[in-house]
PDB file of N, CA and C in Angstrom:
ATOM      1  N   MET A   1       0.960  -1.135   0.064  1.00  0.00           N
ATOM      2  CA  MET A   1       0.139   0.072   0.008  1.00  0.00           C
ATOM      3  C   MET A   1       0.878   1.344   0.013  1.00  0.00           C
ATOM      4  N   LEU A   2       0.672   2.030  -1.036  1.00  0.00           N
ATOM      5  CA  LEU A   2       1.151   3.274  -1.132  1.00  0.00           C
ATOM      6  C   LEU A   2       0.863   4.699  -0.140  1.00  0.00           C
ATOM      7  N   ASP A   3      -0.202   4.512   0.394  1.00  0.00           N
ATOM      8  CA  ASP A   3      -0.899   5.412   1.187  1.00  0.00           C
ATOM      9  C   ASP A   3      -0.897   6.689   0.568  1.00  0.00           C
ATOM     10  N   GLY A   4      -1.341   6.976  -0.855  1.00  0.00           N
ATOM     11  CA  GLY A   4      -1.656   8.083  -1.632  1.00  0.00           C
ATOM     12  C   GLY A   4      -0.261   8.506  -1.850  1.00  0.00           C
ATOM     13  N   ARG A   5       1.045   8.134  -1.677  1.00  0.00           N
ATOM     14  CA  ARG A   5       2.268   8.312  -2.277  1.00  0.00           C
ATOM     15  C   ARG A   5       2.310   7.766  -3.594  1.00  0.00           C
ATOM     16  N   SER A   6       3.068   8.270  -4.366  1.00  0.00           N
ATOM     17  CA  SER A   6       3.389   7.845  -5.631  1.00  0.00           C
ATOM     18  C   SER A   6       4.952   8.264  -6.174  1.00  0.00           C
ATOM     19  N   ALA A   7       5.227   7.746  -7.177  1.00  0.00           N
ATOM     20  CA  ALA A   7       6.852   7.937  -7.710  1.00  0.00           C
ATOM     21  C   ALA A   7       6.579   7.975  -9.087  1.00  0.00           C
ATOM     22  N   SER A   8       7.270   8.958  -9.912  1.00  0.00           N
ATOM     23  CA  SER A   8       7.646   8.769 -11.375  1.00  0.00           C
ATOM     24  C   SER A   8       8.725   9.301 -11.786  1.00  0.00           C
ATOM     25  N   ASP A   9       9.250   8.711 -12.824  1.00  0.00           N
ATOM     26  CA  ASP A   9      10.498   9.238 -13.740  1.00  0.00           C
ATOM     27  C   ASP A   9      10.313   9.509 -15.068  1.00  0.00           C
ATOM     28  N   GLY A  10      10.497  10.362 -15.567  1.00  0.00           N
ATOM     29  CA  GLY A  10      10.141  10.819 -17.120  1.00  0.00           C
ATOM     30  C   GLY A  10      11.328  11.452 -17.831  1.00  0.00           C
ATOM     31  N   ASP A  11      11.226  11.603 -19.065  1.00  0.00           N
ATOM     32  CA  ASP A  11      11.744  12.460 -19.833  1.00  0.00           C
ATOM     33  C   ASP A  11      11.263  12.712 -21.132  1.00  0.00           C
ATOM     34  N   THR A  12      11.441  13.908 -21.883  1.00  0.00           N
ATOM     35  CA  THR A  12      11.033  14.059 -23.000  1.00  0.00           C
ATOM     36  C   THR A  12      12.208  14.242 -24.167  1.00  0.00           C
ATOM     37  N   TRP A  13      11.808  13.644 -25.505  1.00  0.00           N
ATOM     38  CA  TRP A  13      12.716  13.713 -26.424  1.00  0.00           C
ATOM     39  C   TRP A  13      12.054  13.922 -27.773  1.00  0.00           C
ATOM     40  N   VAL A  14      12.652  14.437 -28.719  1.00  0.00           N
ATOM     41  CA  VAL A  14      12.400  14.227 -29.905  1.00  0.00           C
ATOM     42  C   VAL A  14      13.169  13.398 -30.863  1.00  0.00           C
ATOM     43  N   ASP A  15      12.523  12.711 -32.009  1.00  0.00           N
ATOM     44  CA  ASP A  15      13.655  11.843 -33.034  1.00  0.00           C
ATOM     45  C   ASP A  15      13.386  12.346 -34.518  1.00  0.00           C
ATOM     46  N   PRO A  16      14.492  12.334 -35.099  1.00  0.00           N
ATOM     47  CA  PRO A  16      14.089  12.642 -36.537  1.00  0.00           C
ATOM     48  C   PRO A  16      13.670  11.214 -37.279  1.00  0.00           C
ATOM     49  N   VAL A  17      12.928  11.153 -38.000  1.00  0.00           N
ATOM     50  CA  VAL A  17      12.239   9.908 -38.400  1.00  0.00           C
ATOM     51  C   VAL A  17      12.317  10.197 -39.981  1.00  0.00           C
ATOM     52  N   ILE A  18      12.484   9.075 -40.857  1.00  0.00           N
ATOM     53  CA  ILE A  18      12.321   8.733 -42.277  1.00  0.00           C
ATOM     54  C   ILE A  18      11.451   7.489 -42.390  1.00  0.00           C
ATOM     55  N   GLY A  19      10.742   7.355 -43.541  1.00  0.00           N
ATOM     56  CA  GLY A  19      10.106   6.248 -43.692  1.00  0.00           C
ATOM     57  C   GLY A  19       9.353   6.157 -44.753  1.00  0.00           C
ATOM     58  N   ALA A  20       8.617   5.178 -45.124  1.00  0.00           N
ATOM     59  CA  ALA A  20       7.822   4.923 -46.306  1.00  0.00           C
ATOM     60  C   ALA A  20       6.449   4.185 -46.093  1.00  0.00           C
ATOM     61  N   LYS A  21       5.172   4.538 -46.727  1.00  0.00           N
ATOM     62  CA  LYS A  21       3.958   4.024 -46.457  1.00  0.00           C
ATOM     63  C   LYS A  21       3.431   3.776 -47.658  1.00  0.00           C
ATOM     64  N   PHE A  22       2.638   2.281 -47.817  1.00  0.00           N
ATOM     65  CA  PHE A  22       2.168   2.002 -49.145  1.00  0.00           C
ATOM     66  C   PHE A  22       0.505   1.645 -48.865  1.00  0.00           C
ATOM     67  N   LYS A  23      -0.237   1.620 -49.898  1.00  0.00           N
ATOM     68  CA  LYS A  23      -1.472   1.060 -50.021  1.00  0.00           C
ATOM     69  C   LYS A  23      -1.604   0.514 -51.444  1.00  0.00           C
ATOM     70  N   ALA A  24      -2.069  -0.527 -51.340  1.00  0.00           N
ATOM     71  CA  ALA A  24      -2.172  -1.499 -52.696  1.00  0.00           C
ATOM     72  C   ALA A  24      -3.462  -1.908 -52.926  1.00  0.00           C
ATOM     73  N   ASP A  25      -4.423  -1.670 -53.643  1.00  0.00           N
ATOM     74  CA  ASP A  25      -5.769  -2.133 -54.189  1.00  0.00           C
ATOM     75  C   ASP A  25      -5.265  -3.625 -54.878  1.00  0.00           C
ATOM     76  N   VAL A  26      -5.720  -4.802 -54.335  1.00  0.00           N
ATOM     77  CA  VAL A  26      -5.851  -6.199 -54.686  1.00  0.00           C
ATOM     78  C   VAL A  26      -6.899  -6.666 -55.517  1.00  0.00           C
ATOM     79  N   GLY A  27      -8.070  -5.736 -55.433  1.00  0.00           N
ATOM     80  CA  GLY A  27      -9.266  -6.102 -56.023  1.00  0.00           C
ATOM     81  C   GLY A  27     -10.574  -6.471 -55.195  1.00  0.00           C
ATOM     82  N   ASN A  28     -11.933  -6.412 -55.493  1.00  0.00           N
ATOM     83  CA  ASN A  28     -12.822  -6.523 -54.632  1.00  0.00           C
ATOM     84  C   ASN A  28     -12.994  -5.634 -53.529  1.00  0.00           C
ATOM     85  N   GLY A  29     -12.450  -4.738 -53.386  1.00  0.00           N
ATOM     86  CA  GLY A  29     -12.381  -4.012 -52.171  1.00  0.00           C
ATOM     87  C   GLY A  29     -11.486  -4.369 -51.195  1.00  0.00           C
ATOM     88  N   ILE A  30     -10.424  -5.412 -51.357  1.00  0.00           N
ATOM     89  CA  ILE A  30      -9.739  -5.660 -50.618  1.00  0.00           C
ATOM     90  C   ILE A  30      -8.311  -4.559 -51.132  1.00  0.00           C
ATOM     91  N   TYR A  31      -7.591  -4.584 -49.985  1.00  0.00           N
ATOM     92  CA  TYR A  31      -6.323  -3.750 -49.890  1.00  0.00           C
ATOM     93  C   TYR A  31      -5.028  -3.997 -49.098  1.00  0.00           C
ATOM     94  N   LEU A  32      -3.930  -3.948 -49.495  1.00  0.00           N
ATOM     95  CA  LEU A  32      -2.809  -4.092 -48.482  1.00  0.00           C
ATOM     96  C   LEU A  32      -2.147  -2.926 -47.762  1.00  0.00           C
ATOM     97  N   ALA A  33      -1.713  -3.010 -46.904  1.00  0.00           N
ATOM     98  CA  ALA A  33      -1.157  -1.335 -46.476  1.00  0.00           C
ATOM     99  C   ALA A  33      -0.088  -1.889 -45.535  1.00  0.00           C
ATOM    100  N   GLY A  34       0.678  -0.639 -45.303  1.00  0.00           N
ATOM    101  CA  GLY A  34       1.480  -0.843 -44.129  1.00  0.00           C
ATOM    102  C   GLY A  34       2.525   0.297 -44.140  1.00  0.00           C
ATOM    103  N   TRP A  35       3.505   0.596 -43.196  1.00  0.00           N
ATOM    104  CA  TRP A  35       4.715   1.488 -43.262  1.00  0.00           C
ATOM    105  C   TRP A  35       5.728   0.989 -42.630  1.00  0.00           C
ATOM    106  N   GLY A  36       6.741   1.724 -42.448  1.00  0.00           N
ATOM    107  CA  GLY A  36       8.381   1.370 -41.990  1.00  0.00           C
ATOM    108  C   GLY A  36       8.744   2.574 -41.764  1.00  0.00           C
ATOM    109  N   LEU A  37       9.332   2.587 -40.548  1.00  0.00           N
ATOM    110  CA  LEU A  37       9.854   4.035 -40.230  1.00  0.00           C
ATOM    111  C   LEU A  37      11.047   3.707 -39.376  1.00  0.00           C
ATOM    112  N   VAL A  38      12.066   4.406 -39.634  1.00  0.00           N
ATOM    113  CA  VAL A  38      13.268   4.489 -38.622  1.00  0.00           C
ATOM    114  C   VAL A  38      13.568   5.848 -38.147  1.00  0.00           C
ATOM    115  N   GLY A  39      14.574   5.735 -37.066  1.00  0.00           N
ATOM    116  CA  GLY A  39      14.708   6.935 -36.635  1.00  0.00           C
ATOM    117  C   GLY A  39      15.683   7.220 -35.411  1.00  0.00           C
ATOM    118  N   GLY A  40      15.674   8.162 -34.660  1.00  0.00           N
ATOM    119  CA  GLY A  40      16.590   8.577 -33.772  1.00  0.00           C
ATOM    120  C   GLY A  40      18.157   8.754 -34.038  1.00  0.00           C
ATOM    121  N   PHE A  41      18.749   8.031 -34.444  1.00  0.00           N
ATOM    122  CA  PHE A  41      20.060   8.407 -35.056  1.00  0.00           C
ATOM    123  C   PHE A  41      21.065   9.162 -34.026  1.00  0.00           C
ATOM    124  N   GLY A  42      20.694   8.934 -33.002  1.00  0.00           N
ATOM    125  CA  GLY A  42      21.671   9.489 -31.870  1.00  0.00           C
ATOM    126  C   GLY A  42      21.294  10.880 -31.491  1.00  0.00           C
ATOM    127  N   ALA A  43      20.207  11.645 -32.331  1.00  0.00           N
ATOM    128  CA  ALA A  43      19.750  12.749 -31.835  1.00  0.00           C
ATOM    129  C   ALA A  43      18.753  12.986 -30.886  1.00  0.00           C
ATOM    130  N   GLY A  44      18.089  12.077 -30.842  1.00  0.00           N
ATOM    131  CA  GLY A  44      17.100  11.808 -29.563  1.00  0.00           C
ATOM    132  C   GLY A  44      17.223  10.638 -28.766  1.00  0.00           C
ATOM    133  N   SER A  45      16.458   9.385 -29.496  1.00  0.00           N
ATOM    134  CA  SER A  45      16.689   8.151 -29.038  1.00  0.00           C
ATOM    135  C   SER A  45      18.155   7.529 -29.708  1.00  0.00           C
ATOM    136  N   LYS A  46      18.826   6.737 -29.280  1.00  0.00           N
ATOM    137  CA  LYS A  46      19.793   5.934 -30.060  1.00  0.00           C
ATOM    138  C   LYS A  46      19.317   5.427 -31.146  1.00  0.00           C
ATOM    139  N   SER A  47      18.144   4.878 -31.385  1.00  0.00           N
ATOM    140  CA  SER A  47      17.211   4.279 -32.313  1.00  0.00           C
ATOM    141  C   SER A  47      15.991   3.952 -32.160  1.00  0.00           C
ATOM    142  N   MET A  48      15.246   4.003 -33.155  1.00  0.00           N
ATOM    143  CA  MET A  48      14.011   3.680 -33.162  1.00  0.00           C
ATOM    144  C   MET A  48      13.320   3.255 -34.429  1.00  0.00           C
ATOM    145  N   TRP A  49      12.268   2.089 -34.216  1.00  0.00           N
ATOM    146  CA  TRP A  49      11.710   1.732 -35.339  1.00  0.00           C
ATOM    147  C   TRP A  49      10.157   1.331 -35.375  1.00  0.00           C
ATOM    148  N   ASP A  50       9.383   1.436 -36.200  1.00  0.00           N
ATOM    149  CA  ASP A  50       8.120   1.352 -36.349  1.00  0.00           C
ATOM    150  C   ASP A  50       7.530   0.681 -37.430  1.00  0.00           C
ATOM    151  N   VAL A  51       6.976  -0.438 -37.421  1.00  0.00           N
ATOM    152  CA  VAL A  51       6.537  -1.191 -38.766  1.00  0.00           C
ATOM    153  C   VAL A  51       5.243  -1.752 -38.758  1.00  0.00           C
ATOM    154  N   MET A  52       4.335  -1.787 -39.721  1.00  0.00           N
ATOM    155  CA  MET A  52       2.975  -2.052 -39.391  1.00  0.00           C
ATOM    156  C   MET A  52       2.750  -2.651 -40.979  1.00  0.00           C
ATOM    157  N   GLY A  53       2.195  -3.692 -40.756  1.00  0.00           N
ATOM    158  CA  GLY A  53       1.435  -4.363 -41.949  1.00  0.00           C
ATOM    159  C   GLY A  53      -0.014  -4.955 -42.105  1.00  0.00           C
ATOM    160  N   GLY A  54      -0.746  -5.107 -42.961  1.00  0.00           N
ATOM    161  CA  GLY A  54      -2.086  -5.477 -43.006  1.00  0.00           C
ATOM    162  C   GLY A  54      -2.656  -5.587 -44.195  1.00  0.00           C
ATOM    163  N   ALA A  55      -4.277  -5.884 -43.944  1.00  0.00           N
ATOM    164  CA  ALA A  55      -4.974  -6.102 -45.034  1.00  0.00           C
ATOM    165  C   ALA A  55      -6.269  -5.270 -44.730  1.00  0.00           C
ATOM    166  N   GLY A  56      -7.171  -4.968 -45.442  1.00  0.00           N
ATOM    167  CA  GLY A  56      -8.301  -4.142 -45.206  1.00  0.00           C
ATOM    168  C   GLY A  56      -9.315  -4.492 -46.121  1.00  0.00           C
ATOM    169  N   TYR A  57     -10.541  -3.967 -46.142  1.00  0.00           N
ATOM    170  CA  TYR A  57     -11.626  -3.996 -47.099  1.00  0.00           C
ATOM    171  C   TYR A  57     -12.705  -2.809 -47.052  1.00  0.00           C
ATOM    172  N   GLN A  58     -12.452  -2.288 -48.183  1.00  0.00           N
ATOM    173  CA  GLN A  58     -13.305  -1.035 -48.394  1.00  0.00           C
ATOM    174  C   GLN A  58     -14.934  -1.364 -48.871  1.00  0.00           C
ATOM    175  N   PHE A  59     -15.566  -1.043 -47.641  1.00  0.00           N
ATOM    176  CA  PHE A  59     -17.057  -1.454 -47.837  1.00  0.00           C
ATOM    177  C   PHE A  59     -17.796  -0.498 -48.781  1.00  0.00           C
ATOM    178  N   ASN A  60     -17.518   0.683 -48.835  1.00  0.00           N
ATOM    179  CA  ASN A  60     -18.241   1.763 -49.718  1.00  0.00           C
ATOM    180  C   ASN A  60     -17.052   3.137 -49.743  1.00  0.00           C
ATOM    181  N   ASP A  61     -17.542   3.894 -50.533  1.00  0.00           N
ATOM    182  CA  ASP A  61     -16.497   5.114 -50.884  1.00  0.00           C
ATOM    183  C   ASP A  61     -16.241   5.761 -49.137  1.00  0.00           C
ATOM    184  N   LYS A  62     -17.019   5.633 -48.281  1.00  0.00           N
ATOM    185  CA  LYS A  62     -16.843   6.184 -46.983  1.00  0.00           C
ATOM    186  C   LYS A  62     -16.249   5.475 -45.556  1.00  0.00           C
ATOM    187  N   MET A  63     -16.753   3.959 -46.022  1.00  0.00           N
ATOM    188  CA  MET A  63     -16.334   3.347 -44.845  1.00  0.00           C
ATOM    189  C   MET A  63     -15.309   1.923 -45.287  1.00  0.00           C
ATOM    190  N   SER A  64     -14.590   1.444 -44.481  1.00  0.00           N
ATOM    191  CA  SER A  64     -13.375   0.722 -44.504  1.00  0.00           C
ATOM    192  C   SER A  64     -12.915  -0.057 -43.078  1.00  0.00           C
ATOM    193  N   MET A  65     -12.627  -1.184 -43.106  1.00  0.00           N
ATOM    194  CA  MET A  65     -12.000  -2.078 -42.169  1.00  0.00           C
ATOM    195  C   MET A  65     -10.522  -2.309 -42.226  1.00  0.00           C
ATOM    196  N   PHE A  66      -9.717  -2.639 -41.228  1.00  0.00           N
ATOM    197  CA  PHE A  66      -8.384  -2.561 -41.437  1.00  0.00           C
ATOM    198  C   PHE A  66      -8.004  -3.749 -40.350  1.00  0.00           C
ATOM    199  N   VAL A  67      -7.235  -4.688 -40.715  1.00  0.00           N
ATOM    200  CA  VAL A  67      -6.663  -5.718 -39.563  1.00  0.00           C
ATOM    201  C   VAL A  67      -5.208  -6.040 -40.112  1.00  0.00           C
ATOM    202  N   GLY A  68      -4.559  -5.940 -38.807  1.00  0.00           N
ATOM    203  CA  GLY A  68      -2.606  -5.866 -39.227  1.00  0.00           C
ATOM    204  C   GLY A  68      -2.171  -6.530 -37.977  1.00  0.00           C
ATOM    205  N   TYR A  69      -0.765  -6.077 -38.054  1.00  0.00           N
ATOM    206  CA  TYR A  69      -0.016  -6.085 -37.019  1.00  0.00           C
ATOM    207  C   TYR A  69       1.094  -5.100 -37.006  1.00  0.00           C
ATOM    208  N   ARG A  70       1.541  -4.658 -35.874  1.00  0.00           N
ATOM    209  CA  ARG A  70       2.488  -3.749 -35.642  1.00  0.00           C
ATOM    210  C   ARG A  70       3.442  -3.697 -34.596  1.00  0.00           C
ATOM    211  N   ALA A  71       4.567  -3.206 -34.528  1.00  0.00           N
ATOM    212  CA  ALA A  71       5.603  -3.067 -33.741  1.00  0.00           C
ATOM    213  C   ALA A  71       6.258  -2.019 -33.799  1.00  0.00           C
ATOM    214  N   VAL A  72       6.634  -1.337 -32.420  1.00  0.00           N
ATOM    215  CA  VAL A  72       7.344  -0.194 -32.565  1.00  0.00           C
ATOM    216  C   VAL A  72       8.296  -0.238 -31.310  1.00  0.00           C
ATOM    217  N   HIS A  73       9.556   0.037 -31.635  1.00  0.00           N
ATOM    218  CA  HIS A  73      10.770  -0.045 -30.841  1.00  0.00           C
ATOM    219  C   HIS A  73      11.278   1.236 -30.467  1.00  0.00           C
ATOM    220  N   ASP A  74      11.915   1.708 -29.140  1.00  0.00           N
ATOM    221  CA  ASP A  74      12.617   2.733 -28.944  1.00  0.00           C
ATOM    222  C   ASP A  74      13.713   2.441 -28.086  1.00  0.00           C
ATOM    223  N   ASN A  75      14.739   3.061 -28.369  1.00  0.00           N
ATOM    224  CA  ASN A  75      16.073   2.830 -27.611  1.00  0.00           C
ATOM    225  C   ASN A  75      16.549   4.133 -27.008  1.00  0.00           C
ATOM    226  N   TYR A  76      16.330   4.646 -25.913  1.00  0.00           N
ATOM    227  CA  TYR A  76      16.532   6.102 -25.141  1.00  0.00           C
ATOM    228  C   TYR A  76      17.054   6.139 -23.729  1.00  0.00           C
ATOM    229  N   SER A  77      18.047   6.763 -23.764  1.00  0.00           N
ATOM    230  CA  SER A  77      18.629   7.079 -22.271  1.00  0.00           C
ATOM    231  C   SER A  77      19.533   8.314 -22.102  1.00  0.00           C
ATOM    232  N   HIS A  78      19.072   8.926 -21.082  1.00  0.00           N
ATOM    233  CA  HIS A  78      19.599  10.222 -20.645  1.00  0.00           C
ATOM    234  C   HIS A  78      19.809  10.476 -19.202  1.00  0.00           C
ATOM    235  N   ASP A  79      20.824  10.937 -18.890  1.00  0.00           N
ATOM    236  CA  ASP A  79      20.964  11.249 -17.177  1.00  0.00           C
ATOM    237  C   ASP A  79      20.654   9.812 -16.276  1.00  0.00           C
ATOM    238  N   GLY A  80      20.548   8.946 -16.636  1.00  0.00           N
ATOM    239  CA  GLY A  80      19.905   7.621 -15.658  1.00  0.00           C
ATOM    240  C   GLY A  80      18.509   7.365 -16.202  1.00  0.00           C
ATOM    241  N   PHE A  81      17.789   8.224 -17.029  1.00  0.00           N
ATOM    242  CA  PHE A  81      16.561   7.723 -17.390  1.00  0.00           C
ATOM    243  C   PHE A  81      16.669   6.575 -18.701  1.00  0.00           C
ATOM    244  N   VAL A  82      16.273   5.427 -18.641  1.00  0.00           N
ATOM    245  CA  VAL A  82      16.187   4.447 -19.712  1.00  0.00           C
ATOM    246  C   VAL A  82      14.943   4.065 -20.504  1.00  0.00           C
ATOM    247  N   ASN A  83      14.859   4.343 -21.549  1.00  0.00           N
ATOM    248  CA  ASN A  83      13.499   3.752 -22.161  1.00  0.00           C
ATOM    249  C   ASN A  83      14.031   2.924 -23.215  1.00  0.00           C
ATOM    250  N   LYS A  84      13.933   1.494 -22.974  1.00  0.00           N
ATOM    251  CA  LYS A  84      14.245   0.648 -24.096  1.00  0.00           C
ATOM    252  C   LYS A  84      13.318  -0.412 -24.308  1.00  0.00           C
ATOM    253  N   LEU A  85      12.634  -0.165 -25.306  1.00  0.00           N
ATOM    254  CA  LEU A  85      11.144  -0.990 -25.178  1.00  0.00           C
ATOM    255  C   LEU A  85      11.026  -1.489 -26.496  1.00  0.00           C
ATOM    256  N   THR A  86      10.073  -2.641 -26.786  1.00  0.00           N
ATOM    257  CA  THR A  86       9.198  -2.853 -28.044  1.00  0.00           C
ATOM    258  C   THR A  86       8.047  -3.336 -27.589  1.00  0.00           C
ATOM    259  N   GLN A  87       7.120  -2.854 -28.418  1.00  0.00           N
ATOM    260  CA  GLN A  87       5.769  -2.812 -28.009  1.00  0.00           C
ATOM    261  C   GLN A  87       4.947  -3.438 -29.411  1.00  0.00           C
ATOM    262  N   GLN A  88       4.480  -4.676 -29.579  1.00  0.00           N
ATOM    263  CA  GLN A  88       3.927  -5.098 -30.711  1.00  0.00           C
ATOM    264  C   GLN A  88       2.634  -6.226 -30.324  1.00  0.00           C
ATOM    265  N   GLY A  89       1.744  -6.115 -31.562  1.00  0.00           N
ATOM    266  CA  GLY A  89       0.528  -6.622 -31.440  1.00  0.00           C
ATOM    267  C   GLY A  89      -0.530  -6.563 -32.430  1.00  0.00           C
ATOM    268  N   PRO A  90      -1.500  -7.301 -32.525  1.00  0.00           N
ATOM    269  CA  PRO A  90      -2.258  -7.117 -33.713  1.00  0.00           C
ATOM    270  C   PRO A  90      -3.292  -5.727 -33.467  1.00  0.00           C
ATOM    271  N   ILE A  91      -3.583  -5.202 -34.534  1.00  0.00           N
ATOM    272  CA  ILE A  91      -4.564  -3.798 -34.632  1.00  0.00           C
ATOM    273  C   ILE A  91      -5.401  -4.238 -35.314  1.00  0.00           C
ATOM    274  N   LEU A  92      -6.821  -3.435 -35.153  1.00  0.00           N
ATOM    275  CA  LEU A  92      -8.071  -3.532 -35.799  1.00  0.00           C
ATOM    276  C   LEU A  92      -8.693  -2.282 -35.861  1.00  0.00           C
ATOM    277  N   GLY A  93      -9.080  -1.839 -37.052  1.00  0.00           N
ATOM    278  CA  GLY A  93      -9.534  -0.287 -37.263  1.00  0.00           C
ATOM    279  C   GLY A  93     -10.780  -0.331 -38.089  1.00  0.00           C
ATOM    280  N   LEU A  94     -11.772   0.536 -37.499  1.00  0.00           N
ATOM    281  CA  LEU A  94     -12.748   0.954 -38.650  1.00  0.00           C
ATOM    282  C   LEU A  94     -13.007   2.381 -38.912  1.00  0.00           C
ATOM    283  N   THR A  95     -12.834   2.737 -40.373  1.00  0.00           N
ATOM    284  CA  THR A  95     -12.691   4.278 -40.726  1.00  0.00           C
ATOM    285  C   THR A  95     -14.046   4.498 -41.333  1.00  0.00           C
ATOM    286  N   TYR A  96     -14.576   5.851 -40.794  1.00  0.00           N
ATOM    287  CA  TYR A  96     -15.577   6.519 -41.574  1.00  0.00           C
ATOM    288  C   TYR A  96     -14.991   7.677 -41.940  1.00  0.00           C
ATOM    289  N   GLN A  97     -15.359   8.002 -43.495  1.00  0.00           N
ATOM    290  CA  GLN A  97     -14.918   9.802 -43.801  1.00  0.00           C
ATOM    291  C   GLN A  97     -16.450  10.267 -43.987  1.00  0.00           C
ATOM    292  N   PHE A  98     -16.267  11.138 -43.015  1.00  0.00           N
ATOM    293  CA  PHE A  98     -17.238  12.495 -43.274  1.00  0.00           C
ATOM    294  C   PHE A  98     -17.405  12.999 -44.405  1.00  0.00           C
ATOM    295  N   SER A  99     -16.401  13.586 -44.637  1.00  0.00           N
ATOM    296  CA  SER A  99     -16.592  14.422 -46.099  1.00  0.00           C
ATOM    297  C   SER A  99     -15.979  13.832 -47.188  1.00  0.00           C
ATOM    298  N   PRO A 100     -16.393  14.086 -48.557  1.00  0.00           N
ATOM    299  CA  PRO A 100     -15.675  13.460 -49.725  1.00  0.00           C
ATOM    300  C   PRO A 100     -14.278  13.454 -49.846  1.00  0.00           C
ATOM    301  N   ALA A 101     -13.469  12.496 -50.348  1.00  0.00           N
ATOM    302  CA  ALA A 101     -12.303  12.504 -50.439  1.00  0.00           C
ATOM    303  C   ALA A 101     -11.675  13.599 -51.638  1.00  0.00           C
ATOM    304  N   HIS A 102     -10.781  14.404 -51.310  1.00  0.00           N
ATOM    305  CA  HIS A 102     -10.397  15.291 -52.425  1.00  0.00           C
ATOM    306  C   HIS A 102      -9.348  14.548 -53.548  1.00  0.00           C
ATOM    307  N   PRO A 103      -9.772  14.937 -54.646  1.00  0.00           N
ATOM    308  CA  PRO A 103      -8.856  14.161 -55.755  1.00  0.00           C
ATOM    309  C   PRO A 103      -7.412  14.668 -55.586  1.00  0.00           C
ATOM    310  N   GLY A 104      -6.438  14.108 -56.247  1.00  0.00           N
ATOM    311  CA  GLY A 104      -4.990  14.410 -56.340  1.00  0.00           C
ATOM    312  C   GLY A 104      -4.351  13.585 -55.506  1.00  0.00           C
TER     313      GLY A 104
END
């Protein structure tokens, strides 16, 4: 029991990031999508990366769903604060577009 006491440690940093994103229609409303990012380069984190991939279904011009997998890694340390982690797992999304898409 902490009797209302708490402790925390934190830090804030910014990472330069570069990456690529794709979406490919494969027919009948089905599409594949993903991204890959790398960053840090010692400017903020020593290193970081973020990858995601999966498949979706476009129900109509306003609604789609997506299922995939995502993994994110960060390796940062400064003045005794250490944040070295990898989070990963399945993702599921449903998108509804309220306004029409702009061409281009």
